Amino acid sequence: QVQLVESGGTLVQAGGSLRLSCAASRGSISTNTMAWFRQLPGKDREFVAAISRDSAAAVVADSVQGRFTISRDNAKNMMYLQMNSLNPGDTAVYFCAATTPYSGNPYFVEKDPSSYAYWGQGTQVTVSS
C-alpha cells in the first residue's frame, strides 16, 4: 500500500514562496492521479490542485490560480506544489493524496477528496501578514 509523506511546510511572510513535496513509498505512483488538499481547523478539506498520472492534465482551485503550480516526477516517486505570492488565507495543513492505480483516461483529474484512497499526514503552512 502506497505511503505518502509531505514536507516543506513552514512559517513564511505574506508575498513569499514555498515548495511542498510529497514523497511516495511502498509502491509506485506512476499510475495514480495525485492531488493536494488543505484544511483549516474545524473546516472541511479543500481541494487545491490535482495532476493526472503522466502530467497530461492538471487543475488548480480558483483561489490559487496563477499562484500555485502542481507537478510530479514519477521517476522519483514525488509530487510537488510550488506556492507563490502566499497570503494569510493560504494558512492551513496541506495534504497530498493519491487515487488507486488506473489504466484508463490519461487526463483524469479529480477534485473530490472521496476519490482519493491514500493520504499523507499533512504539513503545516503558516503565512504571516
Foldseek 3Di string as FASTA:
>chain_A
DKAKAKDWADEAAAQAKTKMKIAIDPDFQLQKKKFKWWDDPPDDIFGAKIAFNPRPEIDGDPVQPPFWDKDADRVRRMIMIIGGRDDQVPWTWMKMFIAPGDDDDRHDIDGDPVRTDYMYPTGTHGYHD
